[in-house]
Amino acid sequence: MVPDDFYAFIGFFIYLGYSKIPRYRLMRLMWKPTSLCYDPVISEVFSHNIFESFLAFLYVVEDNEKKLIEFGDKLCKVRPLNNHIMEKCQELYQPHCEVSIDEQMVRSKARFSFRQNI
C-alpha cells in the first residue's frame, strides 16, 4: 500500500459519511454499475477487491492494547488513529474570523455507550 492509496481509503470513509448508504453490506453495491447505489467516483479510485483487501489488512492496535477492550474502551482499536487525526487537526487548523459556534449541539449517547456531539 502506498500513501496515496491509504489517503484514498481514508477519503472514502469521509465521503461515505456524507452519502446515504446505510450499512456496510450495502457498500459493495457502490461498485456495481447496475445498482442504484453505484458511484462512479468510488469505482474510479479503487476497485472493490482492493478496498476489501485494505479492510482485511488494516491494523491500528497493538497486542498489548487489546486489554483495553476488557476495561470498557470500545474505541480502543481505532483510538491511536483517532488521536493522531485529532492532534494533526488541532495543530494545523488556525481559526480566524470564520469560526461559528452551533448553539444546537447536544451531547448524546443515543445507541452508543460513549458520548458524542450531535
PDB file of N, CA and C in Angstrom:
ATOM      1  N   MET A   1       0.854  -1.168   0.000  1.00  0.00           N
ATOM      2  CA  MET A   1       0.000   0.000   0.000  1.00  0.00           C
ATOM      3  C   MET A   1       0.901   1.232   0.000  1.00  0.00           C
ATOM      4  N   VAL A   2       0.649   2.123  -0.917  1.00  0.00           N
ATOM      5  CA  VAL A   2       1.387   3.390  -0.973  1.00  0.00           C
ATOM      6  C   VAL A   2       0.558   4.459  -0.271  1.00  0.00           C
ATOM      7  N   PRO A   3       1.183   5.563   0.153  1.00  0.00           N
ATOM      8  CA  PRO A   3       0.429   6.599   0.886  1.00  0.00           C
ATOM      9  C   PRO A   3      -0.793   7.127   0.138  1.00  0.00           C
ATOM     10  N   ASP A   4      -0.698   7.267  -1.181  1.00  0.00           N
ATOM     11  CA  ASP A   4      -1.851   7.779  -1.931  1.00  0.00           C
ATOM     12  C   ASP A   4      -3.051   6.843  -1.829  1.00  0.00           C
ATOM     13  N   ASP A   5      -2.788   5.537  -1.832  1.00  0.00           N
ATOM     14  CA  ASP A   5      -3.880   4.571  -1.677  1.00  0.00           C
ATOM     15  C   ASP A   5      -4.508   4.667  -0.291  1.00  0.00           C
ATOM     16  N   PHE A   6      -3.667   4.853   0.717  1.00  0.00           N
ATOM     17  CA  PHE A   6      -4.189   4.975   2.077  1.00  0.00           C
ATOM     18  C   PHE A   6      -5.021   6.246   2.222  1.00  0.00           C
ATOM     19  N   TYR A   7      -4.567   7.348   1.631  1.00  0.00           N
ATOM     20  CA  TYR A   7      -5.340   8.594   1.684  1.00  0.00           C
ATOM     21  C   TYR A   7      -6.678   8.426   0.965  1.00  0.00           C
ATOM     22  N   ALA A   8      -6.674   7.699  -0.143  1.00  0.00           N
ATOM     23  CA  ALA A   8      -7.933   7.434  -0.850  1.00  0.00           C
ATOM     24  C   ALA A   8      -8.855   6.578   0.003  1.00  0.00           C
ATOM     25  N   PHE A   9      -8.285   5.629   0.727  1.00  0.00           N
ATOM     26  CA  PHE A   9      -9.061   4.759   1.613  1.00  0.00           C
ATOM     27  C   PHE A   9      -9.707   5.573   2.734  1.00  0.00           C
ATOM     28  N   ILE A  10      -8.944   6.445   3.380  1.00  0.00           N
ATOM     29  CA  ILE A  10      -9.488   7.313   4.435  1.00  0.00           C
ATOM     30  C   ILE A  10     -10.507   8.281   3.841  1.00  0.00           C
ATOM     31  N   GLY A  11     -10.191   8.825   2.669  1.00  0.00           N
ATOM     32  CA  GLY A  11     -11.129   9.726   1.996  1.00  0.00           C
ATOM     33  C   GLY A  11     -12.443   9.052   1.659  1.00  0.00           C
ATOM     34  N   PHE A  12     -12.377   7.760   1.333  1.00  0.00           N
ATOM     35  CA  PHE A  12     -13.598   7.015   1.056  1.00  0.00           C
ATOM     36  C   PHE A  12     -14.515   7.015   2.269  1.00  0.00           C
ATOM     37  N   PHE A  13     -13.953   6.795   3.464  1.00  0.00           N
ATOM     38  CA  PHE A  13     -14.782   6.769   4.662  1.00  0.00           C
ATOM     39  C   PHE A  13     -15.326   8.152   5.010  1.00  0.00           C
ATOM     40  N   ILE A  14     -14.563   9.193   4.724  1.00  0.00           N
ATOM     41  CA  ILE A  14     -15.085  10.550   4.920  1.00  0.00           C
ATOM     42  C   ILE A  14     -16.225  10.798   3.941  1.00  0.00           C
ATOM     43  N   TYR A  15     -16.021  10.414   2.681  1.00  0.00           N
ATOM     44  CA  TYR A  15     -17.059  10.548   1.664  1.00  0.00           C
ATOM     45  C   TYR A  15     -18.293   9.728   2.028  1.00  0.00           C
ATOM     46  N   LEU A  16     -18.075   8.546   2.566  1.00  0.00           N
ATOM     47  CA  LEU A  16     -19.179   7.678   2.962  1.00  0.00           C
ATOM     48  C   LEU A  16     -20.007   8.314   4.074  1.00  0.00           C
ATOM     49  N   GLY A  17     -19.370   9.118   4.918  1.00  0.00           N
ATOM     50  CA  GLY A  17     -20.099   9.816   5.971  1.00  0.00           C
ATOM     51  C   GLY A  17     -21.118  10.797   5.415  1.00  0.00           C
ATOM     52  N   TYR A  18     -20.880  11.299   4.210  1.00  0.00           N
ATOM     53  CA  TYR A  18     -21.810  12.236   3.588  1.00  0.00           C
ATOM     54  C   TYR A  18     -22.827  11.551   2.688  1.00  0.00           C
ATOM     55  N   SER A  19     -22.589  10.307   2.336  1.00  0.00           N
ATOM     56  CA  SER A  19     -23.515   9.616   1.444  1.00  0.00           C
ATOM     57  C   SER A  19     -24.649   8.985   2.240  1.00  0.00           C
ATOM     58  N   LYS A  20     -25.611   8.470   1.549  1.00  0.00           N
ATOM     59  CA  LYS A  20     -26.805   7.912   2.183  1.00  0.00           C
ATOM     60  C   LYS A  20     -26.798   6.385   2.225  1.00  0.00           C
ATOM     61  N   ILE A  21     -25.640   5.757   2.021  1.00  0.00           N
ATOM     62  CA  ILE A  21     -25.552   4.302   2.099  1.00  0.00           C
ATOM     63  C   ILE A  21     -25.643   3.907   3.564  1.00  0.00           C
ATOM     64  N   PRO A  22     -26.674   3.155   3.958  1.00  0.00           N
ATOM     65  CA  PRO A  22     -26.915   2.932   5.382  1.00  0.00           C
ATOM     66  C   PRO A  22     -26.021   1.914   6.072  1.00  0.00           C
ATOM     67  N   ARG A  23     -25.586   0.885   5.426  1.00  0.00           N
ATOM     68  CA  ARG A  23     -24.869  -0.183   6.126  1.00  0.00           C
ATOM     69  C   ARG A  23     -23.676  -0.662   5.307  1.00  0.00           C
ATOM     70  N   TYR A  24     -22.766  -1.327   6.014  1.00  0.00           N
ATOM     71  CA  TYR A  24     -21.553  -1.835   5.362  1.00  0.00           C
ATOM     72  C   TYR A  24     -21.881  -2.819   4.245  1.00  0.00           C
ATOM     73  N   ARG A  25     -22.856  -3.691   4.457  1.00  0.00           N
ATOM     74  CA  ARG A  25     -23.141  -4.707   3.439  1.00  0.00           C
ATOM     75  C   ARG A  25     -23.709  -4.096   2.159  1.00  0.00           C
ATOM     76  N   LEU A  26     -24.210  -2.866   2.236  1.00  0.00           N
ATOM     77  CA  LEU A  26     -24.693  -2.203   1.028  1.00  0.00           C
ATOM     78  C   LEU A  26     -23.581  -1.439   0.312  1.00  0.00           C
ATOM     79  N   MET A  27     -22.421  -1.288   0.971  1.00  0.00           N
ATOM     80  CA  MET A  27     -21.326  -0.554   0.338  1.00  0.00           C
ATOM     81  C   MET A  27     -20.833  -1.252  -0.915  1.00  0.00           C
ATOM     82  N   ARG A  28     -20.897  -2.572  -0.957  1.00  0.00           N
ATOM     83  CA  ARG A  28     -20.410  -3.282  -2.145  1.00  0.00           C
ATOM     84  C   ARG A  28     -21.220  -2.917  -3.380  1.00  0.00           C
ATOM     85  N   LEU A  29     -22.439  -2.424  -3.175  1.00  0.00           N
ATOM     86  CA  LEU A  29     -23.267  -2.016  -4.313  1.00  0.00           C
ATOM     87  C   LEU A  29     -22.769  -0.725  -4.954  1.00  0.00           C
ATOM     88  N   MET A  30     -21.887  -0.010  -4.273  1.00  0.00           N
ATOM     89  CA  MET A  30     -21.353   1.232  -4.834  1.00  0.00           C
ATOM     90  C   MET A  30     -20.453   0.959  -6.033  1.00  0.00           C
ATOM     91  N   TRP A  31     -19.987  -0.267  -6.196  1.00  0.00           N
ATOM     92  CA  TRP A  31     -19.112  -0.622  -7.304  1.00  0.00           C
ATOM     93  C   TRP A  31     -19.870  -1.306  -8.443  1.00  0.00           C
ATOM     94  N   LYS A  32     -21.150  -1.630  -8.274  1.00  0.00           N
ATOM     95  CA  LYS A  32     -21.924  -2.309  -9.322  1.00  0.00           C
ATOM     96  C   LYS A  32     -22.612  -1.269 -10.203  1.00  0.00           C
ATOM     97  N   PRO A  33     -22.287  -1.226 -11.485  1.00  0.00           N
ATOM     98  CA  PRO A  33     -22.898  -0.223 -12.368  1.00  0.00           C
ATOM     99  C   PRO A  33     -24.411  -0.360 -12.505  1.00  0.00           C
ATOM    100  N   THR A  34     -24.973  -1.534 -12.246  1.00  0.00           N
ATOM    101  CA  THR A  34     -26.420  -1.721 -12.380  1.00  0.00           C
ATOM    102  C   THR A  34     -27.178  -1.378 -11.100  1.00  0.00           C
ATOM    103  N   SER A  35     -26.465  -1.032 -10.055  1.00  0.00           N
ATOM    104  CA  SER A  35     -27.089  -0.754  -8.764  1.00  0.00           C
ATOM    105  C   SER A  35     -27.512   0.711  -8.658  1.00  0.00           C
ATOM    106  N   LEU A  36     -28.525   0.957  -7.839  1.00  0.00           N
ATOM    107  CA  LEU A  36     -28.938   2.333  -7.567  1.00  0.00           C
ATOM    108  C   LEU A  36     -27.910   3.064  -6.706  1.00  0.00           C
ATOM    109  N   CYS A  37     -27.098   2.316  -5.997  1.00  0.00           N
ATOM    110  CA  CYS A  37     -26.072   2.896  -5.124  1.00  0.00           C
ATOM    111  C   CYS A  37     -24.753   3.124  -5.852  1.00  0.00           C
ATOM    112  N   TYR A  38     -24.702   2.837  -7.143  1.00  0.00           N
ATOM    113  CA  TYR A  38     -23.446   2.939  -7.900  1.00  0.00           C
ATOM    114  C   TYR A  38     -22.886   4.351  -7.828  1.00  0.00           C
ATOM    115  N   ASP A  39     -21.590   4.434  -7.588  1.00  0.00           N
ATOM    116  CA  ASP A  39     -20.912   5.723  -7.517  1.00  0.00           C
ATOM    117  C   ASP A  39     -19.666   5.656  -8.399  1.00  0.00           C
ATOM    118  N   PRO A  40     -19.673   6.340  -9.545  1.00  0.00           N
ATOM    119  CA  PRO A  40     -18.522   6.249 -10.451  1.00  0.00           C
ATOM    120  C   PRO A  40     -17.242   6.834  -9.861  1.00  0.00           C
ATOM    121  N   VAL A  41     -17.362   7.789  -8.953  1.00  0.00           N
ATOM    122  CA  VAL A  41     -16.171   8.375  -8.329  1.00  0.00           C
ATOM    123  C   VAL A  41     -15.423   7.313  -7.534  1.00  0.00           C
ATOM    124  N   ILE A  42     -16.156   6.541  -6.751  1.00  0.00           N
ATOM    125  CA  ILE A  42     -15.538   5.496  -5.933  1.00  0.00           C
ATOM    126  C   ILE A  42     -14.912   4.422  -6.810  1.00  0.00           C
ATOM    127  N   SER A  43     -15.620   3.988  -7.838  1.00  0.00           N
ATOM    128  CA  SER A  43     -15.098   2.901  -8.673  1.00  0.00           C
ATOM    129  C   SER A  43     -13.883   3.336  -9.485  1.00  0.00           C
ATOM    130  N   GLU A  44     -13.715   4.634  -9.728  1.00  0.00           N
ATOM    131  CA  GLU A  44     -12.527   5.109 -10.433  1.00  0.00           C
ATOM    132  C   GLU A  44     -11.303   5.140  -9.527  1.00  0.00           C
ATOM    133  N   VAL A  45     -11.509   5.366  -8.235  1.00  0.00           N
ATOM    134  CA  VAL A  45     -10.379   5.486  -7.310  1.00  0.00           C
ATOM    135  C   VAL A  45      -9.758   4.127  -7.036  1.00  0.00           C
ATOM    136  N   PHE A  46     -10.557   3.141  -6.656  1.00  0.00           N
ATOM    137  CA  PHE A  46     -10.060   1.781  -6.462  1.00  0.00           C
ATOM    138  C   PHE A  46     -11.200   0.791  -6.605  1.00  0.00           C
ATOM    139  N   SER A  47     -10.821  -0.453  -6.899  1.00  0.00           N
ATOM    140  CA  SER A  47     -11.826  -1.495  -7.098  1.00  0.00           C
ATOM    141  C   SER A  47     -12.330  -2.014  -5.754  1.00  0.00           C
ATOM    142  N   HIS A  48     -13.424  -2.750  -5.806  1.00  0.00           N
ATOM    143  CA  HIS A  48     -13.997  -3.321  -4.589  1.00  0.00           C
ATOM    144  C   HIS A  48     -13.042  -4.328  -3.960  1.00  0.00           C
ATOM    145  N   ASN A  49     -12.341  -5.093  -4.770  1.00  0.00           N
ATOM    146  CA  ASN A  49     -11.388  -6.077  -4.238  1.00  0.00           C
ATOM    147  C   ASN A  49     -10.239  -5.407  -3.497  1.00  0.00           C
ATOM    148  N   ILE A  50      -9.734  -4.317  -4.027  1.00  0.00           N
ATOM    149  CA  ILE A  50      -8.663  -3.585  -3.339  1.00  0.00           C
ATOM    150  C   ILE A  50      -9.184  -3.004  -2.035  1.00  0.00           C
ATOM    151  N   PHE A  51     -10.397  -2.474  -2.057  1.00  0.00           N
ATOM    152  CA  PHE A  51     -10.994  -1.939  -0.834  1.00  0.00           C
ATOM    153  C   PHE A  51     -11.130  -3.025   0.229  1.00  0.00           C
ATOM    154  N   GLU A  52     -11.613  -4.192  -0.162  1.00  0.00           N
ATOM    155  CA  GLU A  52     -11.764  -5.302   0.784  1.00  0.00           C
ATOM    156  C   GLU A  52     -10.410  -5.761   1.325  1.00  0.00           C
ATOM    157  N   SER A  53      -9.380  -5.748   0.486  1.00  0.00           N
ATOM    158  CA  SER A  53      -8.056  -6.150   0.980  1.00  0.00           C
ATOM    159  C   SER A  53      -7.505  -5.112   1.952  1.00  0.00           C
ATOM    160  N   PHE A  54      -7.774  -3.826   1.717  1.00  0.00           N
ATOM    161  CA  PHE A  54      -7.369  -2.797   2.685  1.00  0.00           C
ATOM    162  C   PHE A  54      -8.043  -3.041   4.026  1.00  0.00           C
ATOM    163  N   LEU A  55      -9.333  -3.343   3.994  1.00  0.00           N
ATOM    164  CA  LEU A  55     -10.051  -3.606   5.246  1.00  0.00           C
ATOM    165  C   LEU A  55      -9.503  -4.834   5.960  1.00  0.00           C
ATOM    166  N   ALA A  56      -9.152  -5.852   5.197  1.00  0.00           N
ATOM    167  CA  ALA A  56      -8.677  -7.093   5.806  1.00  0.00           C
ATOM    168  C   ALA A  56      -7.318  -6.924   6.475  1.00  0.00           C
ATOM    169  N   PHE A  57      -6.473  -6.062   5.916  1.00  0.00           N
ATOM    170  CA  PHE A  57      -5.111  -5.946   6.425  1.00  0.00           C
ATOM    171  C   PHE A  57      -4.851  -4.671   7.215  1.00  0.00           C
ATOM    172  N   LEU A  58      -5.845  -3.846   7.413  1.00  0.00           N
ATOM    173  CA  LEU A  58      -5.660  -2.636   8.211  1.00  0.00           C
ATOM    174  C   LEU A  58      -5.534  -3.023   9.674  1.00  0.00           C
ATOM    175  N   TYR A  59      -4.475  -2.566  10.297  1.00  0.00           N
ATOM    176  CA  TYR A  59      -4.175  -2.951  11.676  1.00  0.00           C
ATOM    177  C   TYR A  59      -3.750  -1.697  12.418  1.00  0.00           C
ATOM    178  N   VAL A  60      -4.548  -1.249  13.366  1.00  0.00           N
ATOM    179  CA  VAL A  60      -4.249   0.005  14.057  1.00  0.00           C
ATOM    180  C   VAL A  60      -4.056  -0.149  15.556  1.00  0.00           C
ATOM    181  N   VAL A  61      -4.123  -1.351  16.097  1.00  0.00           N
ATOM    182  CA  VAL A  61      -3.989  -1.537  17.541  1.00  0.00           C
ATOM    183  C   VAL A  61      -2.909  -2.583  17.830  1.00  0.00           C
ATOM    184  N   GLU A  62      -2.118  -2.320  18.851  1.00  0.00           N
ATOM    185  CA  GLU A  62      -1.080  -3.252  19.275  1.00  0.00           C
ATOM    186  C   GLU A  62      -1.689  -4.355  20.138  1.00  0.00           C
ATOM    187  N   ASP A  63      -0.999  -5.467  20.263  1.00  0.00           N
ATOM    188  CA  ASP A  63      -1.493  -6.589  21.065  1.00  0.00           C
ATOM    189  C   ASP A  63      -1.661  -6.221  22.532  1.00  0.00           C
ATOM    190  N   ASN A  64      -0.749  -5.404  23.060  1.00  0.00           N
ATOM    191  CA  ASN A  64      -0.853  -5.047  24.476  1.00  0.00           C
ATOM    192  C   ASN A  64      -2.007  -4.088  24.748  1.00  0.00           C
ATOM    193  N   GLU A  65      -2.541  -3.445  23.712  1.00  0.00           N
ATOM    194  CA  GLU A  65      -3.674  -2.545  23.889  1.00  0.00           C
ATOM    195  C   GLU A  65      -5.007  -3.284  23.845  1.00  0.00           C
ATOM    196  N   LYS A  66      -4.995  -4.558  23.519  1.00  0.00           N
ATOM    197  CA  LYS A  66      -6.235  -5.335  23.480  1.00  0.00           C
ATOM    198  C   LYS A  66      -6.842  -5.475  24.866  1.00  0.00           C
ATOM    199  N   LYS A  67      -6.021  -5.296  25.889  1.00  0.00           N
ATOM    200  CA  LYS A  67      -6.533  -5.361  27.256  1.00  0.00           C
ATOM    201  C   LYS A  67      -7.510  -4.229  27.533  1.00  0.00           C
ATOM    202  N   LEU A  68      -7.391  -3.133  26.779  1.00  0.00           N
ATOM    203  CA  LEU A  68      -8.286  -2.001  26.991  1.00  0.00           C
ATOM    204  C   LEU A  68      -9.735  -2.353  26.674  1.00  0.00           C
ATOM    205  N   ILE A  69      -9.942  -3.339  25.813  1.00  0.00           N
ATOM    206  CA  ILE A  69     -11.305  -3.761  25.499  1.00  0.00           C
ATOM    207  C   ILE A  69     -11.982  -4.281  26.758  1.00  0.00           C
ATOM    208  N   GLU A  70     -11.214  -4.993  27.565  1.00  0.00           N
ATOM    209  CA  GLU A  70     -11.764  -5.543  28.800  1.00  0.00           C
ATOM    210  C   GLU A  70     -12.118  -4.445  29.797  1.00  0.00           C
ATOM    211  N   PHE A  71     -11.463  -3.289  29.688  1.00  0.00           N
ATOM    212  CA  PHE A  71     -11.723  -2.195  30.614  1.00  0.00           C
ATOM    213  C   PHE A  71     -12.822  -1.263  30.117  1.00  0.00           C
ATOM    214  N   GLY A  72     -13.473  -1.599  29.032  1.00  0.00           N
ATOM    215  CA  GLY A  72     -14.625  -0.843  28.572  1.00  0.00           C
ATOM    216  C   GLY A  72     -14.332   0.225  27.536  1.00  0.00           C
ATOM    217  N   ASP A  73     -13.128   0.297  27.003  1.00  0.00           N
ATOM    218  CA  ASP A  73     -12.828   1.276  25.968  1.00  0.00           C
ATOM    219  C   ASP A  73     -13.221   0.685  24.619  1.00  0.00           C
ATOM    220  N   LYS A  74     -14.404   1.028  24.142  1.00  0.00           N
ATOM    221  CA  LYS A  74     -14.926   0.421  22.922  1.00  0.00           C
ATOM    222  C   LYS A  74     -14.282   0.976  21.656  1.00  0.00           C
ATOM    223  N   LEU A  75     -13.582   2.082  21.790  1.00  0.00           N
ATOM    224  CA  LEU A  75     -12.900   2.656  20.635  1.00  0.00           C
ATOM    225  C   LEU A  75     -11.413   2.343  20.622  1.00  0.00           C
ATOM    226  N   CYS A  76     -10.970   1.411  21.449  1.00  0.00           N
ATOM    227  CA  CYS A  76      -9.529   1.188  21.602  1.00  0.00           C
ATOM    228  C   CYS A  76      -8.859   0.742  20.306  1.00  0.00           C
ATOM    229  N   LYS A  77      -9.563   0.086  19.425  1.00  0.00           N
ATOM    230  CA  LYS A  77      -8.941  -0.384  18.188  1.00  0.00           C
ATOM    231  C   LYS A  77      -8.625   0.758  17.231  1.00  0.00           C
ATOM    232  N   VAL A  78      -9.379   1.821  17.286  1.00  0.00           N
ATOM    233  CA  VAL A  78      -9.130   2.955  16.391  1.00  0.00           C
ATOM    234  C   VAL A  78      -8.660   4.197  17.142  1.00  0.00           C
ATOM    235  N   ARG A  79      -8.516   4.112  18.458  1.00  0.00           N
ATOM    236  CA  ARG A  79      -8.118   5.278  19.241  1.00  0.00           C
ATOM    237  C   ARG A  79      -6.770   5.859  18.816  1.00  0.00           C
ATOM    238  N   PRO A  80      -5.715   5.045  18.539  1.00  0.00           N
ATOM    239  CA  PRO A  80      -4.454   5.658  18.096  1.00  0.00           C
ATOM    240  C   PRO A  80      -4.619   6.472  16.811  1.00  0.00           C
ATOM    241  N   LEU A  81      -5.367   5.945  15.859  1.00  0.00           N
ATOM    242  CA  LEU A  81      -5.611   6.677  14.619  1.00  0.00           C
ATOM    243  C   LEU A  81      -6.447   7.918  14.882  1.00  0.00           C
ATOM    244  N   ASN A  82      -7.475   7.793  15.707  1.00  0.00           N
ATOM    245  CA  ASN A  82      -8.325   8.926  16.052  1.00  0.00           C
ATOM    246  C   ASN A  82      -7.518  10.016  16.761  1.00  0.00           C
ATOM    247  N   ASN A  83      -6.680   9.628  17.717  1.00  0.00           N
ATOM    248  CA  ASN A  83      -5.860  10.607  18.436  1.00  0.00           C
ATOM    249  C   ASN A  83      -4.891  11.315  17.500  1.00  0.00           C
ATOM    250  N   HIS A  84      -4.309  10.566  16.569  1.00  0.00           N
ATOM    251  CA  HIS A  84      -3.383  11.172  15.616  1.00  0.00           C
ATOM    252  C   HIS A  84      -4.099  12.200  14.737  1.00  0.00           C
ATOM    253  N   ILE A  85      -5.271  11.846  14.249  1.00  0.00           N
ATOM    254  CA  ILE A  85      -6.038  12.775  13.411  1.00  0.00           C
ATOM    255  C   ILE A  85      -6.433  14.013  14.209  1.00  0.00           C
ATOM    256  N   MET A  86      -6.868  13.824  15.451  1.00  0.00           N
ATOM    257  CA  MET A  86      -7.247  14.967  16.289  1.00  0.00           C
ATOM    258  C   MET A  86      -6.051  15.884  16.554  1.00  0.00           C
ATOM    259  N   GLU A  87      -4.882  15.305  16.852  1.00  0.00           N
ATOM    260  CA  GLU A  87      -3.683  16.113  17.096  1.00  0.00           C
ATOM    261  C   GLU A  87      -3.301  16.917  15.864  1.00  0.00           C
ATOM    262  N   LYS A  88      -3.345  16.283  14.695  1.00  0.00           N
ATOM    263  CA  LYS A  88      -2.973  16.978  13.463  1.00  0.00           C
ATOM    264  C   LYS A  88      -3.974  18.075  13.118  1.00  0.00           C
ATOM    265  N   CYS A  89      -5.256  17.822  13.354  1.00  0.00           N
ATOM    266  CA  CYS A  89      -6.270  18.848  13.089  1.00  0.00           C
ATOM    267  C   CYS A  89      -6.071  20.047  14.006  1.00  0.00           C
ATOM    268  N   GLN A  90      -5.790  19.800  15.275  1.00  0.00           N
ATOM    269  CA  GLN A  90      -5.562  20.896  16.213  1.00  0.00           C
ATOM    270  C   GLN A  90      -4.267  21.634  15.900  1.00  0.00           C
ATOM    271  N   GLU A  91      -3.286  20.919  15.394  1.00  0.00           N
ATOM    272  CA  GLU A  91      -2.004  21.534  15.070  1.00  0.00           C
ATOM    273  C   GLU A  91      -2.091  22.391  13.807  1.00  0.00           C
ATOM    274  N   LEU A  92      -2.803  21.908  12.804  1.00  0.00           N
ATOM    275  CA  LEU A  92      -2.819  22.573  11.507  1.00  0.00           C
ATOM    276  C   LEU A  92      -3.908  23.624  11.356  1.00  0.00           C
ATOM    277  N   TYR A  93      -5.029  23.465  12.036  1.00  0.00           N
ATOM    278  CA  TYR A  93      -6.126  24.412  11.870  1.00  0.00           C
ATOM    279  C   TYR A  93      -5.915  25.609  12.778  1.00  0.00           C
ATOM    280  N   GLN A  94      -5.945  26.786  12.190  1.00  0.00           N
ATOM    281  CA  GLN A  94      -5.815  28.016  12.954  1.00  0.00           C
ATOM    282  C   GLN A  94      -7.062  28.852  12.691  1.00  0.00           C
ATOM    283  N   PRO A  95      -7.974  28.887  13.654  1.00  0.00           N
ATOM    284  CA  PRO A  95      -9.228  29.612  13.425  1.00  0.00           C
ATOM    285  C   PRO A  95      -9.009  31.113  13.273  1.00  0.00           C
ATOM    286  N   HIS A  96      -9.776  31.678  12.388  1.00  0.00           N
ATOM    287  CA  HIS A  96      -9.745  33.122  12.167  1.00  0.00           C
ATOM    288  C   HIS A  96     -11.154  33.647  12.409  1.00  0.00           C
ATOM    289  N   CYS A  97     -11.626  34.503  11.558  1.00  0.00           N
ATOM    290  CA  CYS A  97     -12.939  35.108  11.782  1.00  0.00           C
ATOM    291  C   CYS A  97     -14.085  34.217  11.312  1.00  0.00           C
ATOM    292  N   GLU A  98     -13.826  33.108  10.625  1.00  0.00           N
ATOM    293  CA  GLU A  98     -14.911  32.276  10.100  1.00  0.00           C
ATOM    294  C   GLU A  98     -15.370  31.193  11.062  1.00  0.00           C
ATOM    295  N   VAL A  99     -15.076  31.342  12.338  1.00  0.00           N
ATOM    296  CA  VAL A  99     -15.496  30.359  13.330  1.00  0.00           C
ATOM    297  C   VAL A  99     -16.921  30.665  13.765  1.00  0.00           C
ATOM    298  N   SER A 100     -17.745  29.647  13.783  1.00  0.00           N
ATOM    299  CA  SER A 100     -19.129  29.792  14.210  1.00  0.00           C
ATOM    300  C   SER A 100     -19.436  28.721  15.245  1.00  0.00           C
ATOM    301  N   ILE A 101     -20.098  29.100  16.305  1.00  0.00           N
ATOM    302  CA  ILE A 101     -20.463  28.154  17.353  1.00  0.00           C
ATOM    303  C   ILE A 101     -21.914  27.760  17.152  1.00  0.00           C
ATOM    304  N   ASP A 102     -22.150  26.469  17.053  1.00  0.00           N
ATOM    305  CA  ASP A 102     -23.504  25.962  16.882  1.00  0.00           C
ATOM    306  C   ASP A 102     -24.134  25.800  18.258  1.00  0.00           C
ATOM    307  N   GLU A 103     -25.177  26.555  18.511  1.00  0.00           N
ATOM    308  CA  GLU A 103     -25.830  26.506  19.818  1.00  0.00           C
ATOM    309  C   GLU A 103     -26.750  25.301  19.952  1.00  0.00           C
ATOM    310  N   GLN A 104     -26.974  24.581  18.873  1.00  0.00           N
ATOM    311  CA  GLN A 104     -27.870  23.433  18.896  1.00  0.00           C
ATOM    312  C   GLN A 104     -27.142  22.114  19.153  1.00  0.00           C
ATOM    313  N   MET A 105     -25.832  22.168  19.306  1.00  0.00           N
ATOM    314  CA  MET A 105     -25.075  20.935  19.551  1.00  0.00           C
ATOM    315  C   MET A 105     -25.477  20.346  20.894  1.00  0.00           C
ATOM    316  N   VAL A 106     -25.803  19.068  20.891  1.00  0.00           N
ATOM    317  CA  VAL A 106     -26.262  18.387  22.093  1.00  0.00           C
ATOM    318  C   VAL A 106     -25.415  17.137  22.290  1.00  0.00           C
ATOM    319  N   ARG A 107     -24.970  16.915  23.513  1.00  0.00           N
ATOM    320  CA  ARG A 107     -24.243  15.675  23.816  1.00  0.00           C
ATOM    321  C   ARG A 107     -25.256  14.550  23.952  1.00  0.00           C
ATOM    322  N   SER A 108     -24.989  13.455  23.274  1.00  0.00           N
ATOM    323  CA  SER A 108     -25.937  12.353  23.269  1.00  0.00           C
ATOM    324  C   SER A 108     -25.193  11.026  23.304  1.00  0.00           C
ATOM    325  N   LYS A 109     -25.801  10.045  23.937  1.00  0.00           N
ATOM    326  CA  LYS A 109     -25.267   8.688  23.907  1.00  0.00           C
ATOM    327  C   LYS A 109     -26.008   7.857  22.863  1.00  0.00           C
ATOM    328  N   ALA A 110     -27.245   8.230  22.578  1.00  0.00           N
ATOM    329  CA  ALA A 110     -28.077   7.560  21.571  1.00  0.00           C
ATOM    330  C   ALA A 110     -27.904   6.044  21.628  1.00  0.00           C
ATOM    331  N   ARG A 111     -27.400   5.444  20.545  1.00  0.00           N
ATOM    332  CA  ARG A 111     -27.240   3.986  20.504  1.00  0.00           C
ATOM    333  C   ARG A 111     -25.859   3.539  20.966  1.00  0.00           C
ATOM    334  N   PHE A 112     -25.006   4.490  21.314  1.00  0.00           N
ATOM    335  CA  PHE A 112     -23.637   4.158  21.693  1.00  0.00           C
ATOM    336  C   PHE A 112     -23.477   4.263  23.200  1.00  0.00           C
ATOM    337  N   SER A 113     -22.438   3.658  23.705  1.00  0.00           N
ATOM    338  CA  SER A 113     -22.181   3.737  25.139  1.00  0.00           C
ATOM    339  C   SER A 113     -21.258   4.902  25.472  1.00  0.00           C
ATOM    340  N   PHE A 114     -20.816   5.657  24.459  1.00  0.00           N
ATOM    341  CA  PHE A 114     -19.975   6.820  24.706  1.00  0.00           C
ATOM    342  C   PHE A 114     -20.686   8.059  24.177  1.00  0.00           C
ATOM    343  N   ARG A 115     -20.318   9.205  24.697  1.00  0.00           N
ATOM    344  CA  ARG A 115     -20.987  10.452  24.320  1.00  0.00           C
ATOM    345  C   ARG A 115     -20.411  11.000  23.022  1.00  0.00           C
ATOM    346  N   GLN A 116     -21.298  11.602  22.241  1.00  0.00           N
ATOM    347  CA  GLN A 116     -20.882  12.282  21.025  1.00  0.00           C
ATOM    348  C   GLN A 116     -21.715  13.543  20.875  1.00  0.00           C
ATOM    349  N   ASN A 117     -21.169  14.529  20.203  1.00  0.00           N
ATOM    350  CA  ASN A 117     -21.896  15.772  19.972  1.00  0.00           C
ATOM    351  C   ASN A 117     -22.656  15.662  18.666  1.00  0.00           C
ATOM    352  N   ILE A 118     -23.949  15.933  18.746  1.00  0.00           N
ATOM    353  CA  ILE A 118     -24.807  15.834  17.563  1.00  0.00           C
ATOM    354  C   ILE A 118     -25.342  17.209  17.240  1.00  0.00           C
TER     355      ILE A 118
END
